[in-house]
mmCIF file of all heavy atoms, coordinates in Angstrom:
data_MODEL
# 
_entry.id   MODEL 
# 
loop_
_atom_site.group_PDB 
_atom_site.id 
_atom_site.type_symbol 
_atom_site.label_atom_id 
_atom_site.label_alt_id 
_atom_site.label_comp_id 
_atom_site.label_asym_id 
_atom_site.label_entity_id 
_atom_site.label_seq_id 
_atom_site.pdbx_PDB_ins_code 
_atom_site.Cartn_x 
_atom_site.Cartn_y 
_atom_site.Cartn_z 
_atom_site.occupancy 
_atom_site.B_iso_or_equiv 
_atom_site.pdbx_formal_charge 
_atom_site.auth_seq_id 
_atom_site.auth_comp_id 
_atom_site.auth_asym_id 
_atom_site.auth_atom_id 
_atom_site.pdbx_PDB_model_num 
ATOM 1   N N   . PRO A 1 1  ? 19.613 12.244 188.034 1.00 0.00 ? 1  PRO A N   1 
ATOM 2   C CA  . PRO A 1 1  ? 18.987 10.867 187.800 1.00 0.00 ? 1  PRO A CA  1 
ATOM 3   C C   . PRO A 1 1  ? 18.843 10.125 189.119 1.00 0.00 ? 1  PRO A C   1 
ATOM 4   O O   . PRO A 1 1  ? 18.209 9.151  189.172 1.00 0.00 ? 1  PRO A O   1 
ATOM 5   C CB  . PRO A 1 1  ? 20.198 10.154 187.000 1.00 0.00 ? 1  PRO A CB  1 
ATOM 6   C CG  . PRO A 1 1  ? 20.821 11.297 186.312 1.00 0.00 ? 1  PRO A CG  1 
ATOM 7   C CD  . PRO A 1 1  ? 20.884 12.430 187.221 1.00 0.00 ? 1  PRO A CD  1 
ATOM 8   N N   . LEU A 1 2  ? 19.301 10.601 190.223 1.00 0.00 ? 2  LEU A N   1 
ATOM 9   C CA  . LEU A 1 2  ? 19.168 9.944  191.514 1.00 0.00 ? 2  LEU A CA  1 
ATOM 10  C C   . LEU A 1 2  ? 17.673 9.808  191.850 1.00 0.00 ? 2  LEU A C   1 
ATOM 11  O O   . LEU A 1 2  ? 17.305 8.931  192.603 1.00 0.00 ? 2  LEU A O   1 
ATOM 12  C CB  . LEU A 1 2  ? 19.899 10.696 192.656 1.00 0.00 ? 2  LEU A CB  1 
ATOM 13  C CG  . LEU A 1 2  ? 21.430 10.703 192.667 1.00 0.00 ? 2  LEU A CG  1 
ATOM 14  C CD1 . LEU A 1 2  ? 21.962 11.654 193.688 1.00 0.00 ? 2  LEU A CD1 1 
ATOM 15  C CD2 . LEU A 1 2  ? 21.946 9.307  192.963 1.00 0.00 ? 2  LEU A CD2 1 
ATOM 16  N N   . ARG A 1 3  ? 16.925 10.764 191.327 1.00 0.00 ? 3  ARG A N   1 
ATOM 17  C CA  . ARG A 1 3  ? 15.437 10.771 191.638 1.00 0.00 ? 3  ARG A CA  1 
ATOM 18  C C   . ARG A 1 3  ? 14.734 9.413  191.248 1.00 0.00 ? 3  ARG A C   1 
ATOM 19  O O   . ARG A 1 3  ? 13.892 8.854  191.885 1.00 0.00 ? 3  ARG A O   1 
ATOM 20  C CB  . ARG A 1 3  ? 14.700 11.879 191.049 1.00 0.00 ? 3  ARG A CB  1 
ATOM 21  C CG  . ARG A 1 3  ? 14.835 11.955 189.495 1.00 0.00 ? 3  ARG A CG  1 
ATOM 22  C CD  . ARG A 1 3  ? 14.430 13.276 188.903 1.00 0.00 ? 3  ARG A CD  1 
ATOM 23  N NE  . ARG A 1 3  ? 14.715 13.314 187.462 1.00 0.00 ? 3  ARG A NE  1 
ATOM 24  C CZ  . ARG A 1 3  ? 14.674 14.391 186.709 1.00 0.00 ? 3  ARG A CZ  1 
ATOM 25  N NH1 . ARG A 1 3  ? 14.439 15.535 187.245 1.00 0.00 ? 3  ARG A NH1 1 
ATOM 26  N NH2 . ARG A 1 3  ? 14.922 14.316 185.384 1.00 0.00 ? 3  ARG A NH2 1 
ATOM 27  N N   . ASP A 1 4  ? 15.237 8.895  190.014 1.00 0.00 ? 4  ASP A N   1 
ATOM 28  C CA  . ASP A 1 4  ? 14.610 7.614  189.605 1.00 0.00 ? 4  ASP A CA  1 
ATOM 29  C C   . ASP A 1 4  ? 14.988 6.451  190.341 1.00 0.00 ? 4  ASP A C   1 
ATOM 30  O O   . ASP A 1 4  ? 14.256 5.378  190.414 1.00 0.00 ? 4  ASP A O   1 
ATOM 31  C CB  . ASP A 1 4  ? 14.980 7.457  188.080 1.00 0.00 ? 4  ASP A CB  1 
ATOM 32  C CG  . ASP A 1 4  ? 14.227 8.358  187.225 1.00 0.00 ? 4  ASP A CG  1 
ATOM 33  O OD1 . ASP A 1 4  ? 13.080 8.795  187.473 1.00 0.00 ? 4  ASP A OD1 1 
ATOM 34  O OD2 . ASP A 1 4  ? 14.813 8.862  186.256 1.00 0.00 ? 4  ASP A OD2 1 
ATOM 35  N N   . LEU A 1 5  ? 16.217 6.478  191.004 1.00 0.00 ? 5  LEU A N   1 
ATOM 36  C CA  . LEU A 1 5  ? 16.518 5.378  191.939 1.00 0.00 ? 5  LEU A CA  1 
ATOM 37  C C   . LEU A 1 5  ? 15.524 5.212  192.995 1.00 0.00 ? 5  LEU A C   1 
ATOM 38  O O   . LEU A 1 5  ? 15.146 4.172  193.480 1.00 0.00 ? 5  LEU A O   1 
ATOM 39  C CB  . LEU A 1 5  ? 17.912 5.600  192.497 1.00 0.00 ? 5  LEU A CB  1 
ATOM 40  C CG  . LEU A 1 5  ? 19.103 5.605  191.567 1.00 0.00 ? 5  LEU A CG  1 
ATOM 41  C CD1 . LEU A 1 5  ? 20.413 5.933  192.272 1.00 0.00 ? 5  LEU A CD1 1 
ATOM 42  C CD2 . LEU A 1 5  ? 19.273 4.179  190.892 1.00 0.00 ? 5  LEU A CD2 1 
ATOM 43  N N   . TRP A 1 6  ? 15.045 6.464  193.495 1.00 0.00 ? 6  TRP A N   1 
ATOM 44  C CA  . TRP A 1 6  ? 14.024 6.392  194.495 1.00 0.00 ? 6  TRP A CA  1 
ATOM 45  C C   . TRP A 1 6  ? 12.614 6.042  193.981 1.00 0.00 ? 6  TRP A C   1 
ATOM 46  O O   . TRP A 1 6  ? 11.849 5.198  194.463 1.00 0.00 ? 6  TRP A O   1 
ATOM 47  C CB  . TRP A 1 6  ? 13.969 7.683  195.246 1.00 0.00 ? 6  TRP A CB  1 
ATOM 48  C CG  . TRP A 1 6  ? 12.962 7.696  196.361 1.00 0.00 ? 6  TRP A CG  1 
ATOM 49  C CD1 . TRP A 1 6  ? 11.641 8.037  196.358 1.00 0.00 ? 6  TRP A CD1 1 
ATOM 50  C CD2 . TRP A 1 6  ? 13.152 7.206  197.743 1.00 0.00 ? 6  TRP A CD2 1 
ATOM 51  N NE1 . TRP A 1 6  ? 11.049 7.779  197.519 1.00 0.00 ? 6  TRP A NE1 1 
ATOM 52  C CE2 . TRP A 1 6  ? 11.903 7.304  198.423 1.00 0.00 ? 6  TRP A CE2 1 
ATOM 53  C CE3 . TRP A 1 6  ? 14.281 6.652  198.380 1.00 0.00 ? 6  TRP A CE3 1 
ATOM 54  C CZ2 . TRP A 1 6  ? 11.817 6.886  199.708 1.00 0.00 ? 6  TRP A CZ2 1 
ATOM 55  C CZ3 . TRP A 1 6  ? 14.138 6.343  199.675 1.00 0.00 ? 6  TRP A CZ3 1 
ATOM 56  C CH2 . TRP A 1 6  ? 12.899 6.523  200.407 1.00 0.00 ? 6  TRP A CH2 1 
ATOM 57  N N   . LEU A 1 7  ? 12.133 6.864  192.921 1.00 0.00 ? 7  LEU A N   1 
ATOM 58  C CA  . LEU A 1 7  ? 10.845 6.781  192.429 1.00 0.00 ? 7  LEU A CA  1 
ATOM 59  C C   . LEU A 1 7  ? 10.539 5.359  191.808 1.00 0.00 ? 7  LEU A C   1 
ATOM 60  O O   . LEU A 1 7  ? 9.475  4.760  192.087 1.00 0.00 ? 7  LEU A O   1 
ATOM 61  C CB  . LEU A 1 7  ? 10.615 7.834  191.291 1.00 0.00 ? 7  LEU A CB  1 
ATOM 62  C CG  . LEU A 1 7  ? 10.593 9.255  191.895 1.00 0.00 ? 7  LEU A CG  1 
ATOM 63  C CD1 . LEU A 1 7  ? 10.582 10.173 190.652 1.00 0.00 ? 7  LEU A CD1 1 
ATOM 64  C CD2 . LEU A 1 7  ? 9.542  9.546  192.913 1.00 0.00 ? 7  LEU A CD2 1 
ATOM 65  N N   . GLU A 1 8  ? 11.503 4.800  191.026 1.00 0.00 ? 8  GLU A N   1 
ATOM 66  C CA  . GLU A 1 8  ? 11.262 3.515  190.445 1.00 0.00 ? 8  GLU A CA  1 
ATOM 67  C C   . GLU A 1 8  ? 11.739 2.353  191.297 1.00 0.00 ? 8  GLU A C   1 
ATOM 68  O O   . GLU A 1 8  ? 11.089 1.371  191.599 1.00 0.00 ? 8  GLU A O   1 
ATOM 69  C CB  . GLU A 1 8  ? 11.870 3.476  189.053 1.00 0.00 ? 8  GLU A CB  1 
ATOM 70  C CG  . GLU A 1 8  ? 11.282 4.456  188.071 1.00 0.00 ? 8  GLU A CG  1 
ATOM 71  C CD  . GLU A 1 8  ? 11.959 4.304  186.695 1.00 0.00 ? 8  GLU A CD  1 
ATOM 72  O OE1 . GLU A 1 8  ? 12.144 3.188  186.221 1.00 0.00 ? 8  GLU A OE1 1 
ATOM 73  O OE2 . GLU A 1 8  ? 12.273 5.310  186.135 1.00 0.00 ? 8  GLU A OE2 1 
ATOM 74  N N   . GLY A 1 9  ? 13.042 2.500  191.769 1.00 0.00 ? 9  GLY A N   1 
ATOM 75  C CA  . GLY A 1 9  ? 13.703 1.448  192.506 1.00 0.00 ? 9  GLY A CA  1 
ATOM 76  C C   . GLY A 1 9  ? 13.122 1.139  193.840 1.00 0.00 ? 9  GLY A C   1 
ATOM 77  O O   . GLY A 1 9  ? 12.903 0.027  194.208 1.00 0.00 ? 9  GLY A O   1 
ATOM 78  N N   . VAL A 1 10 ? 12.935 2.301  194.572 1.00 0.00 ? 10 VAL A N   1 
ATOM 79  C CA  . VAL A 1 10 ? 12.426 2.128  196.036 1.00 0.00 ? 10 VAL A CA  1 
ATOM 80  C C   . VAL A 1 10 ? 10.878 2.193  195.989 1.00 0.00 ? 10 VAL A C   1 
ATOM 81  O O   . VAL A 1 10 ? 10.288 1.323  196.668 1.00 0.00 ? 10 VAL A O   1 
ATOM 82  C CB  . VAL A 1 10 ? 13.085 3.183  196.892 1.00 0.00 ? 10 VAL A CB  1 
ATOM 83  C CG1 . VAL A 1 10 ? 12.519 3.098  198.264 1.00 0.00 ? 10 VAL A CG1 1 
ATOM 84  C CG2 . VAL A 1 10 ? 14.520 3.082  196.907 1.00 0.00 ? 10 VAL A CG2 1 
ATOM 85  N N   . SER A 1 11 ? 10.355 3.253  195.456 1.00 0.00 ? 11 SER A N   1 
ATOM 86  C CA  . SER A 1 11 ? 8.861  3.321  195.547 1.00 0.00 ? 11 SER A CA  1 
ATOM 87  C C   . SER A 1 11 ? 8.101  2.382  194.620 1.00 0.00 ? 11 SER A C   1 
ATOM 88  O O   . SER A 1 11 ? 6.895  2.246  194.783 1.00 0.00 ? 11 SER A O   1 
ATOM 89  C CB  . SER A 1 11 ? 8.445  4.867  195.227 1.00 0.00 ? 11 SER A CB  1 
ATOM 90  O OG  . SER A 1 11 ? 9.063  5.712  196.140 1.00 0.00 ? 11 SER A OG  1 
ATOM 91  N N   . GLY A 1 12 ? 8.726  1.838  193.640 1.00 0.00 ? 12 GLY A N   1 
ATOM 92  C CA  . GLY A 1 12 ? 8.103  0.960  192.777 1.00 0.00 ? 12 GLY A CA  1 
ATOM 93  C C   . GLY A 1 12 ? 7.164  1.479  191.767 1.00 0.00 ? 12 GLY A C   1 
ATOM 94  O O   . GLY A 1 12 ? 6.283  0.692  191.132 1.00 0.00 ? 12 GLY A O   1 
ATOM 95  N N   . LEU A 1 13 ? 7.268  2.760  191.468 1.00 0.00 ? 13 LEU A N   1 
ATOM 96  C CA  . LEU A 1 13 ? 6.439  3.363  190.322 1.00 0.00 ? 13 LEU A CA  1 
ATOM 97  C C   . LEU A 1 13 ? 6.920  2.796  189.013 1.00 0.00 ? 13 LEU A C   1 
ATOM 98  O O   . LEU A 1 13 ? 7.964  2.515  188.778 1.00 0.00 ? 13 LEU A O   1 
ATOM 99  C CB  . LEU A 1 13 ? 6.545  4.909  190.331 1.00 0.00 ? 13 LEU A CB  1 
ATOM 100 C CG  . LEU A 1 13 ? 6.027  5.682  191.624 1.00 0.00 ? 13 LEU A CG  1 
ATOM 101 C CD1 . LEU A 1 13 ? 6.291  7.162  191.495 1.00 0.00 ? 13 LEU A CD1 1 
ATOM 102 C CD2 . LEU A 1 13 ? 4.570  5.365  191.809 1.00 0.00 ? 13 LEU A CD2 1 
ATOM 103 N N   . SER A 1 14 ? 5.904  2.680  188.151 1.00 0.00 ? 14 SER A N   1 
ATOM 104 C CA  . SER A 1 14 ? 6.263  2.454  186.758 1.00 0.00 ? 14 SER A CA  1 
ATOM 105 C C   . SER A 1 14 ? 7.093  3.526  186.164 1.00 0.00 ? 14 SER A C   1 
ATOM 106 O O   . SER A 1 14 ? 7.022  4.690  186.681 1.00 0.00 ? 14 SER A O   1 
ATOM 107 C CB  . SER A 1 14 ? 4.994  2.159  185.921 1.00 0.00 ? 14 SER A CB  1 
ATOM 108 O OG  . SER A 1 14 ? 4.274  3.465  185.877 1.00 0.00 ? 14 SER A OG  1 
ATOM 109 N N   . GLN A 1 15 ? 7.706  3.278  185.019 1.00 0.00 ? 15 GLN A N   1 
ATOM 110 C CA  . GLN A 1 15 ? 8.564  4.343  184.463 1.00 0.00 ? 15 GLN A CA  1 
ATOM 111 C C   . GLN A 1 15 ? 7.730  5.489  184.139 1.00 0.00 ? 15 GLN A C   1 
ATOM 112 O O   . GLN A 1 15 ? 8.158  6.697  184.284 1.00 0.00 ? 15 GLN A O   1 
ATOM 113 C CB  . GLN A 1 15 ? 9.246  3.814  183.214 1.00 0.00 ? 15 GLN A CB  1 
ATOM 114 C CG  . GLN A 1 15 ? 10.245 4.727  182.590 1.00 0.00 ? 15 GLN A CG  1 
ATOM 115 C CD  . GLN A 1 15 ? 11.010 4.198  181.328 1.00 0.00 ? 15 GLN A CD  1 
ATOM 116 O OE1 . GLN A 1 15 ? 10.600 3.161  180.757 1.00 0.00 ? 15 GLN A OE1 1 
ATOM 117 N NE2 . GLN A 1 15 ? 12.070 4.889  181.000 1.00 0.00 ? 15 GLN A NE2 1 
ATOM 118 N N   . SER A 1 16 ? 6.510  5.331  183.574 1.00 0.00 ? 16 SER A N   1 
ATOM 119 C CA  . SER A 1 16 ? 5.645  6.462  183.134 1.00 0.00 ? 16 SER A CA  1 
ATOM 120 C C   . SER A 1 16 ? 5.320  7.232  184.351 1.00 0.00 ? 16 SER A C   1 
ATOM 121 O O   . SER A 1 16 ? 5.222  8.439  184.313 1.00 0.00 ? 16 SER A O   1 
ATOM 122 C CB  . SER A 1 16 ? 4.414  5.995  182.297 1.00 0.00 ? 16 SER A CB  1 
ATOM 123 O OG  . SER A 1 16 ? 3.667  5.075  183.205 1.00 0.00 ? 16 SER A OG  1 
ATOM 124 N N   . LEU A 1 17 ? 4.978  6.640  185.452 1.00 0.00 ? 17 LEU A N   1 
ATOM 125 C CA  . LEU A 1 17 ? 4.488  7.412  186.693 1.00 0.00 ? 17 LEU A CA  1 
ATOM 126 C C   . LEU A 1 17 ? 5.740  8.072  187.263 1.00 0.00 ? 17 LEU A C   1 
ATOM 127 O O   . LEU A 1 17 ? 5.536  9.231  187.851 1.00 0.00 ? 17 LEU A O   1 
ATOM 128 C CB  . LEU A 1 17 ? 3.857  6.460  187.710 1.00 0.00 ? 17 LEU A CB  1 
ATOM 129 C CG  . LEU A 1 17 ? 2.402  6.077  187.461 1.00 0.00 ? 17 LEU A CG  1 
ATOM 130 C CD1 . LEU A 1 17 ? 1.916  5.081  188.591 1.00 0.00 ? 17 LEU A CD1 1 
ATOM 131 C CD2 . LEU A 1 17 ? 1.505  7.268  187.415 1.00 0.00 ? 17 LEU A CD2 1 
ATOM 132 N N   . ALA A 1 18 ? 6.916  7.472  187.179 1.00 0.00 ? 18 ALA A N   1 
ATOM 133 C CA  . ALA A 1 18 ? 8.097  8.055  187.674 1.00 0.00 ? 18 ALA A CA  1 
ATOM 134 C C   . ALA A 1 18 ? 8.386  9.393  186.942 1.00 0.00 ? 18 ALA A C   1 
ATOM 135 O O   . ALA A 1 18 ? 8.780  10.481 187.548 1.00 0.00 ? 18 ALA A O   1 
ATOM 136 C CB  . ALA A 1 18 ? 9.348  7.203  187.610 1.00 0.00 ? 18 ALA A CB  1 
ATOM 137 N N   . VAL A 1 19 ? 8.263  9.433  185.555 1.00 0.00 ? 19 VAL A N   1 
ATOM 138 C CA  . VAL A 1 19 ? 8.533  10.531 184.767 1.00 0.00 ? 19 VAL A CA  1 
ATOM 139 C C   . VAL A 1 19 ? 7.453  11.667 185.216 1.00 0.00 ? 19 VAL A C   1 
ATOM 140 O O   . VAL A 1 19 ? 7.789  12.798 185.238 1.00 0.00 ? 19 VAL A O   1 
ATOM 141 C CB  . VAL A 1 19 ? 8.450  10.185 183.325 1.00 0.00 ? 19 VAL A CB  1 
ATOM 142 C CG1 . VAL A 1 19 ? 8.407  11.385 182.468 1.00 0.00 ? 19 VAL A CG1 1 
ATOM 143 C CG2 . VAL A 1 19 ? 9.590  9.223  182.950 1.00 0.00 ? 19 VAL A CG2 1 
ATOM 144 N N   . PHE A 1 20 ? 6.264  11.169 185.308 1.00 0.00 ? 20 PHE A N   1 
ATOM 145 C CA  . PHE A 1 20 ? 5.208  12.097 185.750 1.00 0.00 ? 20 PHE A CA  1 
ATOM 146 C C   . PHE A 1 20 ? 5.424  12.761 187.108 1.00 0.00 ? 20 PHE A C   1 
ATOM 147 O O   . PHE A 1 20 ? 5.110  13.901 187.302 1.00 0.00 ? 20 PHE A O   1 
ATOM 148 C CB  . PHE A 1 20 ? 3.879  11.254 185.917 1.00 0.00 ? 20 PHE A CB  1 
ATOM 149 C CG  . PHE A 1 20 ? 2.614  12.047 185.976 1.00 0.00 ? 20 PHE A CG  1 
ATOM 150 C CD1 . PHE A 1 20 ? 1.991  12.527 184.864 1.00 0.00 ? 20 PHE A CD1 1 
ATOM 151 C CD2 . PHE A 1 20 ? 2.119  12.405 187.232 1.00 0.00 ? 20 PHE A CD2 1 
ATOM 152 C CE1 . PHE A 1 20 ? 0.735  13.293 185.022 1.00 0.00 ? 20 PHE A CE1 1 
ATOM 153 C CE2 . PHE A 1 20 ? 0.950  13.162 187.350 1.00 0.00 ? 20 PHE A CE2 1 
ATOM 154 C CZ  . PHE A 1 20 ? 0.267  13.550 186.187 1.00 0.00 ? 20 PHE A CZ  1 
ATOM 155 N N   . ALA A 1 21 ? 6.272  12.137 187.929 1.00 0.00 ? 21 ALA A N   1 
ATOM 156 C CA  . ALA A 1 21 ? 6.567  12.755 189.231 1.00 0.00 ? 21 ALA A CA  1 
ATOM 157 C C   . ALA A 1 21 ? 7.773  13.626 189.329 1.00 0.00 ? 21 ALA A C   1 
ATOM 158 O O   . ALA A 1 21 ? 8.071  14.342 190.354 1.00 0.00 ? 21 ALA A O   1 
ATOM 159 C CB  . ALA A 1 21 ? 6.744  11.452 190.264 1.00 0.00 ? 21 ALA A CB  1 
ATOM 160 N N   . HIS A 1 22 ? 8.499  13.671 188.173 1.00 0.00 ? 22 HIS A N   1 
ATOM 161 C CA  . HIS A 1 22 ? 9.813  14.471 188.182 1.00 0.00 ? 22 HIS A CA  1 
ATOM 162 C C   . HIS A 1 22 ? 9.526  15.903 188.462 1.00 0.00 ? 22 HIS A C   1 
ATOM 163 O O   . HIS A 1 22 ? 10.161 16.484 189.388 1.00 0.00 ? 22 HIS A O   1 
ATOM 164 C CB  . HIS A 1 22 ? 10.359 14.329 186.816 1.00 0.00 ? 22 HIS A CB  1 
ATOM 165 C CG  . HIS A 1 22 ? 11.139 13.021 186.469 1.00 0.00 ? 22 HIS A CG  1 
ATOM 166 N ND1 . HIS A 1 22 ? 11.709 12.645 185.315 1.00 0.00 ? 22 HIS A ND1 1 
ATOM 167 C CD2 . HIS A 1 22 ? 11.329 11.945 187.386 1.00 0.00 ? 22 HIS A CD2 1 
ATOM 168 C CE1 . HIS A 1 22 ? 12.240 11.523 185.486 1.00 0.00 ? 22 HIS A CE1 1 
ATOM 169 N NE2 . HIS A 1 22 ? 11.969 11.100 186.642 1.00 0.00 ? 22 HIS A NE2 1 
ATOM 170 N N   . LEU A 1 23 ? 8.581  16.553 187.727 1.00 0.00 ? 23 LEU A N   1 
ATOM 171 C CA  . LEU A 1 23 ? 8.359  18.024 187.922 1.00 0.00 ? 23 LEU A CA  1 
ATOM 172 C C   . LEU A 1 23 ? 7.922  18.348 189.350 1.00 0.00 ? 23 LEU A C   1 
ATOM 173 O O   . LEU A 1 23 ? 8.396  19.271 189.982 1.00 0.00 ? 23 LEU A O   1 
ATOM 174 C CB  . LEU A 1 23 ? 7.511  18.560 186.776 1.00 0.00 ? 23 LEU A CB  1 
ATOM 175 C CG  . LEU A 1 23 ? 7.243  20.102 186.900 1.00 0.00 ? 23 LEU A CG  1 
ATOM 176 C CD1 . LEU A 1 23 ? 8.644  20.834 186.812 1.00 0.00 ? 23 LEU A CD1 1 
ATOM 177 C CD2 . LEU A 1 23 ? 6.393  20.459 185.654 1.00 0.00 ? 23 LEU A CD2 1 
ATOM 178 N N   . PRO A 1 24 ? 6.853  17.576 189.841 1.00 0.00 ? 24 PRO A N   1 
ATOM 179 C CA  . PRO A 1 24 ? 6.389  17.812 191.221 1.00 0.00 ? 24 PRO A CA  1 
ATOM 180 C C   . PRO A 1 24 ? 7.564  17.767 192.310 1.00 0.00 ? 24 PRO A C   1 
ATOM 181 O O   . PRO A 1 24 ? 7.602  18.547 193.173 1.00 0.00 ? 24 PRO A O   1 
ATOM 182 C CB  . PRO A 1 24 ? 5.268  16.823 191.432 1.00 0.00 ? 24 PRO A CB  1 
ATOM 183 C CG  . PRO A 1 24 ? 4.766  16.571 190.087 1.00 0.00 ? 24 PRO A CG  1 
ATOM 184 C CD  . PRO A 1 24 ? 5.934  16.604 189.262 1.00 0.00 ? 24 PRO A CD  1 
ATOM 185 N N   . LEU A 1 25 ? 8.410  16.759 192.063 1.00 0.00 ? 25 LEU A N   1 
ATOM 186 C CA  . LEU A 1 25 ? 9.513  16.639 193.021 1.00 0.00 ? 25 LEU A CA  1 
ATOM 187 C C   . LEU A 1 25 ? 10.466 17.811 192.995 1.00 0.00 ? 25 LEU A C   1 
ATOM 188 O O   . LEU A 1 25 ? 10.946 18.247 193.938 1.00 0.00 ? 25 LEU A O   1 
ATOM 189 C CB  . LEU A 1 25 ? 10.185 15.287 192.692 1.00 0.00 ? 25 LEU A CB  1 
ATOM 190 C CG  . LEU A 1 25 ? 11.445 14.967 193.684 1.00 0.00 ? 25 LEU A CG  1 
ATOM 191 C CD1 . LEU A 1 25 ? 10.977 14.865 195.123 1.00 0.00 ? 25 LEU A CD1 1 
ATOM 192 C CD2 . LEU A 1 25 ? 12.000 13.657 193.239 1.00 0.00 ? 25 LEU A CD2 1 
ATOM 193 N N   . MET A 1 26 ? 10.825 18.278 191.751 1.00 0.00 ? 26 MET A N   1 
ATOM 194 C CA  . MET A 1 26 ? 11.681 19.396 191.593 1.00 0.00 ? 26 MET A CA  1 
ATOM 195 C C   . MET A 1 26 ? 11.107 20.626 192.291 1.00 0.00 ? 26 MET A C   1 
ATOM 196 O O   . MET A 1 26 ? 11.726 21.425 192.955 1.00 0.00 ? 26 MET A O   1 
ATOM 197 C CB  . MET A 1 26 ? 11.964 19.592 190.147 1.00 0.00 ? 26 MET A CB  1 
ATOM 198 C CG  . MET A 1 26 ? 12.933 18.592 189.496 1.00 0.00 ? 26 MET A CG  1 
ATOM 199 S SD  . MET A 1 26 ? 13.472 19.016 187.820 1.00 0.00 ? 26 MET A SD  1 
ATOM 200 C CE  . MET A 1 26 ? 11.926 18.542 186.871 1.00 0.00 ? 26 MET A CE  1 
ATOM 201 N N   . ILE A 1 27 ? 9.773  20.882 192.107 1.00 0.00 ? 27 ILE A N   1 
ATOM 202 C CA  . ILE A 1 27 ? 9.094  22.025 192.641 1.00 0.00 ? 27 ILE A CA  1 
ATOM 203 C C   . ILE A 1 27 ? 9.243  22.005 194.167 1.00 0.00 ? 27 ILE A C   1 
ATOM 204 O O   . ILE A 1 27 ? 9.456  22.954 194.807 1.00 0.00 ? 27 ILE A O   1 
ATOM 205 C CB  . ILE A 1 27 ? 7.650  22.093 192.202 1.00 0.00 ? 27 ILE A CB  1 
ATOM 206 C CG1 . ILE A 1 27 ? 7.626  22.400 190.725 1.00 0.00 ? 27 ILE A CG1 1 
ATOM 207 C CG2 . ILE A 1 27 ? 6.960  23.172 192.945 1.00 0.00 ? 27 ILE A CG2 1 
ATOM 208 C CD1 . ILE A 1 27 ? 6.256  22.176 190.077 1.00 0.00 ? 27 ILE A CD1 1 
# 
């Protein structure tokens, strides 16, 4: 769950875009 602290909290992505970014980040 640390990824969402960055994607949403720091980068300011919406929740839907943050979820969209999960798999690319893992890869």
